[in-house]
């Protein structure tokens, strides 16, 4: 589990992955990214009782994180709000481990399914989510604009 002390490392990973992922579609996505404010927000999230914030570490180095909790706008579901791994560590199983933890936690709470939102043009992220059992939700309300691009909702039943 993440601690308050992990807030800064989580914010740094968040910013680095946003830069690596989103700048091709949203060139100014990190121009106004406030690292200090983000670090404080992640530190607060680490102490929240309504969700789960996990980090993947190697020694004292935080390599990735996942944040999950009750679904926003969907009844009787959990949601993976964020899952990010340092770009240099992509493909090493860290994201899969973080996702397995989040899904197991939600299943343990009795949630029947999990949702998540992803940038529509992010084929790499979408392929990852599909590889762990998520499927594109084509129902009403399953698309939303975000910073000038569309996001799409994915769903996955939980055991």
C-alpha atoms as a PDB file:
ATOM      1  CA  UNK A   1       0.000   0.000   0.000  1.00  0.00           C
ATOM      2  CA  UNK A   2       1.102   3.550  -0.736  1.00  0.00           C
ATOM      3  CA  UNK A   3       2.009   5.815   2.154  1.00  0.00           C
ATOM      4  CA  UNK A   4       1.945   9.586   2.503  1.00  0.00           C
ATOM      5  CA  UNK A   5       5.696   9.519   1.854  1.00  0.00           C
ATOM      6  CA  UNK A   6       5.057   8.020  -1.612  1.00  0.00           C
ATOM      7  CA  UNK A   7       3.081  11.061  -2.786  1.00  0.00           C
ATOM      8  CA  UNK A   8       6.008  12.754  -4.528  1.00  0.00           C
ATOM      9  CA  UNK A   9       7.200   9.605  -6.319  1.00  0.00           C
ATOM     10  CA  UNK A  10       3.656   8.858  -7.502  1.00  0.00           C
ATOM     11  CA  UNK A  11       3.276  12.420  -8.813  1.00  0.00           C
ATOM     12  CA  UNK A  12       6.592  12.151 -10.669  1.00  0.00           C
ATOM     13  CA  UNK A  13       5.516   8.882 -12.323  1.00  0.00           C
ATOM     14  CA  UNK A  14       2.136  10.406 -13.130  1.00  0.00           C
ATOM     15  CA  UNK A  15       3.770  13.392 -14.842  1.00  0.00           C
ATOM     16  CA  UNK A  16       6.366  11.282 -16.673  1.00  0.00           C
ATOM     17  CA  UNK A  17       3.776   8.870 -18.028  1.00  0.00           C
ATOM     18  CA  UNK A  18       1.404  11.667 -19.048  1.00  0.00           C
ATOM     19  CA  UNK A  19       4.291  13.237 -20.983  1.00  0.00           C
ATOM     20  CA  UNK A  20       5.194   9.930 -22.652  1.00  0.00           C
ATOM     21  CA  UNK A  21       1.596   8.954 -23.413  1.00  0.00           C
ATOM     22  CA  UNK A  22      -0.500  12.041 -24.045  1.00  0.00           C
ATOM     23  CA  UNK A  23       1.749  14.728 -25.554  1.00  0.00           C
ATOM     24  CA  UNK A  24       1.335  13.284 -29.056  1.00  0.00           C
ATOM     25  CA  UNK A  25      -2.393  14.192 -28.918  1.00  0.00           C
ATOM     26  CA  UNK A  26      -2.350  16.954 -26.319  1.00  0.00           C
ATOM     27  CA  UNK A  27       0.974  18.798 -26.730  1.00  0.00           C
ATOM     28  CA  UNK A  28       0.438  21.027 -23.669  1.00  0.00           C
ATOM     29  CA  UNK A  29      -0.894  18.295 -21.341  1.00  0.00           C
ATOM     30  CA  UNK A  30       1.893  18.751 -18.789  1.00  0.00           C
ATOM     31  CA  UNK A  31       2.504  22.485 -19.237  1.00  0.00           C
ATOM     32  CA  UNK A  32       0.407  23.284 -16.188  1.00  0.00           C
ATOM     33  CA  UNK A  33       1.058  20.054 -14.277  1.00  0.00           C
ATOM     34  CA  UNK A  34       1.742  21.165 -10.710  1.00  0.00           C
ATOM     35  CA  UNK A  35       4.044  18.524  -9.265  1.00  0.00           C
ATOM     36  CA  UNK A  36       3.756  19.798  -5.685  1.00  0.00           C
ATOM     37  CA  UNK A  37      -0.034  19.969  -5.760  1.00  0.00           C
ATOM     38  CA  UNK A  38      -0.202  16.526  -7.347  1.00  0.00           C
ATOM     39  CA  UNK A  39       2.169  15.087  -4.724  1.00  0.00           C
ATOM     40  CA  UNK A  40      -0.027  16.488  -1.952  1.00  0.00           C
ATOM     41  CA  UNK A  41      -3.128  15.013  -3.607  1.00  0.00           C
ATOM     42  CA  UNK A  42      -1.570  11.562  -3.941  1.00  0.00           C
ATOM     43  CA  UNK A  43      -0.395  11.723  -0.317  1.00  0.00           C
ATOM     44  CA  UNK A  44      -3.992  12.444   0.754  1.00  0.00           C
ATOM     45  CA  UNK A  45      -5.258   9.609  -1.443  1.00  0.00           C
ATOM     46  CA  UNK A  46      -2.856   7.216   0.304  1.00  0.00           C
ATOM     47  CA  UNK A  47      -4.775   7.753   3.555  1.00  0.00           C
ATOM     48  CA  UNK A  48      -8.264   7.584   2.030  1.00  0.00           C
ATOM     49  CA  UNK A  49     -10.499   4.834   3.319  1.00  0.00           C
ATOM     50  CA  UNK A  50     -12.786   4.837   0.276  1.00  0.00           C
ATOM     51  CA  UNK A  51     -10.247   3.462  -2.171  1.00  0.00           C
ATOM     52  CA  UNK A  52      -6.950   1.709  -2.627  1.00  0.00           C
ATOM     53  CA  UNK A  53      -3.631   3.199  -3.723  1.00  0.00           C
ATOM     54  CA  UNK A  54      -0.878   0.656  -4.290  1.00  0.00           C
ATOM     55  CA  UNK A  55       2.711   1.141  -5.388  1.00  0.00           C
ATOM     56  CA  UNK A  56       5.146  -1.242  -7.015  1.00  0.00           C
ATOM     57  CA  UNK A  57       8.654  -0.849  -5.660  1.00  0.00           C
ATOM     58  CA  UNK A  58      12.157  -2.052  -6.265  1.00  0.00           C
ATOM     59  CA  UNK A  59      14.030  -1.330  -3.058  1.00  0.00           C
ATOM     60  CA  UNK A  60      13.121   2.258  -2.203  1.00  0.00           C
ATOM     61  CA  UNK A  61      12.299   3.180  -5.832  1.00  0.00           C
ATOM     62  CA  UNK A  62       8.601   3.465  -6.747  1.00  0.00           C
ATOM     63  CA  UNK A  63       8.163   2.011 -10.239  1.00  0.00           C
ATOM     64  CA  UNK A  64       4.405   2.342 -10.674  1.00  0.00           C
ATOM     65  CA  UNK A  65       1.082   2.775  -8.960  1.00  0.00           C
ATOM     66  CA  UNK A  66      -2.600   1.895  -9.212  1.00  0.00           C
ATOM     67  CA  UNK A  67      -5.538   3.729  -7.683  1.00  0.00           C
ATOM     68  CA  UNK A  68      -8.979   2.141  -7.484  1.00  0.00           C
ATOM     69  CA  UNK A  69     -12.269   2.482  -5.665  1.00  0.00           C
ATOM     70  CA  UNK A  70     -16.023   2.751  -6.208  1.00  0.00           C
ATOM     71  CA  UNK A  71     -17.005   3.426  -9.814  1.00  0.00           C
ATOM     72  CA  UNK A  72     -17.982   6.938 -10.743  1.00  0.00           C
ATOM     73  CA  UNK A  73     -21.327   6.997 -12.536  1.00  0.00           C
ATOM     74  CA  UNK A  74     -21.838   3.207 -12.627  1.00  0.00           C
ATOM     75  CA  UNK A  75     -23.755   1.435  -9.876  1.00  0.00           C
ATOM     76  CA  UNK A  76     -22.444  -1.793  -8.356  1.00  0.00           C
ATOM     77  CA  UNK A  77     -18.975  -1.599  -9.856  1.00  0.00           C
ATOM     78  CA  UNK A  78     -15.419  -0.791  -8.927  1.00  0.00           C
ATOM     79  CA  UNK A  79     -13.136   1.406 -10.993  1.00  0.00           C
ATOM     80  CA  UNK A  80      -9.442   1.574 -11.730  1.00  0.00           C
ATOM     81  CA  UNK A  81      -8.990   5.347 -11.652  1.00  0.00           C
ATOM     82  CA  UNK A  82      -5.316   5.327 -12.568  1.00  0.00           C
ATOM     83  CA  UNK A  83      -2.609   2.796 -13.299  1.00  0.00           C
ATOM     84  CA  UNK A  84       0.792   4.055 -14.382  1.00  0.00           C
ATOM     85  CA  UNK A  85       4.246   2.518 -14.631  1.00  0.00           C
ATOM     86  CA  UNK A  86       7.471   4.360 -15.395  1.00  0.00           C
ATOM     87  CA  UNK A  87       7.791   4.225 -19.192  1.00  0.00           C
ATOM     88  CA  UNK A  88      11.268   2.672 -18.968  1.00  0.00           C
ATOM     89  CA  UNK A  89       9.703  -0.252 -17.067  1.00  0.00           C
ATOM     90  CA  UNK A  90       6.790  -0.953 -19.448  1.00  0.00           C
ATOM     91  CA  UNK A  91       6.429  -4.581 -20.447  1.00  0.00           C
ATOM     92  CA  UNK A  92       8.021  -6.003 -17.310  1.00  0.00           C
ATOM     93  CA  UNK A  93       4.850  -7.216 -15.575  1.00  0.00           C
ATOM     94  CA  UNK A  94       4.530  -4.320 -13.109  1.00  0.00           C
ATOM     95  CA  UNK A  95       1.249  -3.102 -14.597  1.00  0.00           C
ATOM     96  CA  UNK A  96      -0.153  -6.631 -14.592  1.00  0.00           C
ATOM     97  CA  UNK A  97       0.743  -7.073 -10.920  1.00  0.00           C
ATOM     98  CA  UNK A  98      -0.821  -3.734  -9.987  1.00  0.00           C
ATOM     99  CA  UNK A  99      -3.957  -4.555 -11.991  1.00  0.00           C
ATOM    100  CA  UNK A 100      -4.254  -8.011 -10.417  1.00  0.00           C
ATOM    101  CA  UNK A 101      -4.061  -6.418  -6.980  1.00  0.00           C
ATOM    102  CA  UNK A 102      -6.737  -3.819  -7.820  1.00  0.00           C
ATOM    103  CA  UNK A 103      -9.091  -6.398  -9.339  1.00  0.00           C
ATOM    104  CA  UNK A 104      -8.584  -8.805  -6.441  1.00  0.00           C
ATOM    105  CA  UNK A 105      -9.300  -6.036  -3.941  1.00  0.00           C
ATOM    106  CA  UNK A 106     -12.533  -5.058  -5.704  1.00  0.00           C
ATOM    107  CA  UNK A 107     -13.624  -8.692  -6.045  1.00  0.00           C
ATOM    108  CA  UNK A 108     -12.971  -9.129  -2.319  1.00  0.00           C
ATOM    109  CA  UNK A 109     -15.394  -6.277  -1.666  1.00  0.00           C
ATOM    110  CA  UNK A 110     -18.043  -8.152  -3.635  1.00  0.00           C
ATOM    111  CA  UNK A 111     -18.010  -5.909  -6.685  1.00  0.00           C
ATOM    112  CA  UNK A 112     -19.433  -7.784  -9.690  1.00  0.00           C
ATOM    113  CA  UNK A 113     -17.474  -5.780 -12.254  1.00  0.00           C
ATOM    114  CA  UNK A 114     -14.796  -3.170 -12.808  1.00  0.00           C
ATOM    115  CA  UNK A 115     -14.680  -0.235 -15.193  1.00  0.00           C
ATOM    116  CA  UNK A 116     -11.927   2.082 -16.329  1.00  0.00           C
ATOM    117  CA  UNK A 117     -11.537   4.986 -18.725  1.00  0.00           C
ATOM    118  CA  UNK A 118      -8.784   5.303 -21.313  1.00  0.00           C
ATOM    119  CA  UNK A 119      -7.847   7.789 -24.014  1.00  0.00           C
ATOM    120  CA  UNK A 120      -9.398   6.486 -27.216  1.00  0.00           C
ATOM    121  CA  UNK A 121      -6.250   6.944 -29.346  1.00  0.00           C
ATOM    122  CA  UNK A 122      -4.004   5.174 -26.792  1.00  0.00           C
ATOM    123  CA  UNK A 123      -3.728   1.837 -28.571  1.00  0.00           C
ATOM    124  CA  UNK A 124      -0.943   0.605 -26.264  1.00  0.00           C
ATOM    125  CA  UNK A 125      -3.009   1.201 -23.122  1.00  0.00           C
ATOM    126  CA  UNK A 126      -6.118  -0.268 -24.712  1.00  0.00           C
ATOM    127  CA  UNK A 127      -4.213  -3.393 -25.761  1.00  0.00           C
ATOM    128  CA  UNK A 128      -2.957  -3.810 -22.188  1.00  0.00           C
ATOM    129  CA  UNK A 129      -6.472  -3.512 -20.731  1.00  0.00           C
ATOM    130  CA  UNK A 130      -7.839  -5.968 -23.271  1.00  0.00           C
ATOM    131  CA  UNK A 131      -5.034  -8.409 -22.430  1.00  0.00           C
ATOM    132  CA  UNK A 132      -6.199  -8.478 -18.795  1.00  0.00           C
ATOM    133  CA  UNK A 133      -9.837  -9.106 -19.645  1.00  0.00           C
ATOM    134  CA  UNK A 134     -11.385  -5.671 -20.178  1.00  0.00           C
ATOM    135  CA  UNK A 135     -13.727  -5.138 -23.125  1.00  0.00           C
ATOM    136  CA  UNK A 136     -14.832  -1.905 -24.737  1.00  0.00           C
ATOM    137  CA  UNK A 137     -18.183  -0.702 -23.379  1.00  0.00           C
ATOM    138  CA  UNK A 138     -20.330   0.421 -26.270  1.00  0.00           C
ATOM    139  CA  UNK A 139     -23.328   1.338 -24.135  1.00  0.00           C
ATOM    140  CA  UNK A 140     -24.768   4.776 -23.404  1.00  0.00           C
ATOM    141  CA  UNK A 141     -22.401   7.176 -21.656  1.00  0.00           C
ATOM    142  CA  UNK A 142     -19.330   5.113 -22.553  1.00  0.00           C
ATOM    143  CA  UNK A 143     -17.450   7.991 -24.185  1.00  0.00           C
ATOM    144  CA  UNK A 144     -16.414  11.337 -22.721  1.00  0.00           C
ATOM    145  CA  UNK A 145     -14.263  14.202 -23.948  1.00  0.00           C
ATOM    146  CA  UNK A 146     -11.077  14.958 -22.006  1.00  0.00           C
ATOM    147  CA  UNK A 147      -8.705  17.774 -22.910  1.00  0.00           C
ATOM    148  CA  UNK A 148      -9.754  17.732 -26.540  1.00  0.00           C
ATOM    149  CA  UNK A 149      -9.644  13.969 -27.109  1.00  0.00           C
ATOM    150  CA  UNK A 150     -12.213  11.275 -26.454  1.00  0.00           C
ATOM    151  CA  UNK A 151     -12.004   8.728 -23.683  1.00  0.00           C
ATOM    152  CA  UNK A 152     -13.744   5.371 -23.774  1.00  0.00           C
ATOM    153  CA  UNK A 153     -14.995   3.175 -20.977  1.00  0.00           C
ATOM    154  CA  UNK A 154     -13.972  -0.444 -20.599  1.00  0.00           C
ATOM    155  CA  UNK A 155     -15.650  -3.115 -18.441  1.00  0.00           C
ATOM    156  CA  UNK A 156     -14.592  -6.408 -16.973  1.00  0.00           C
ATOM    157  CA  UNK A 157     -16.540  -8.861 -14.827  1.00  0.00           C
ATOM    158  CA  UNK A 158     -14.939  -9.772 -11.518  1.00  0.00           C
ATOM    159  CA  UNK A 159     -14.853 -13.340 -10.179  1.00  0.00           C
END
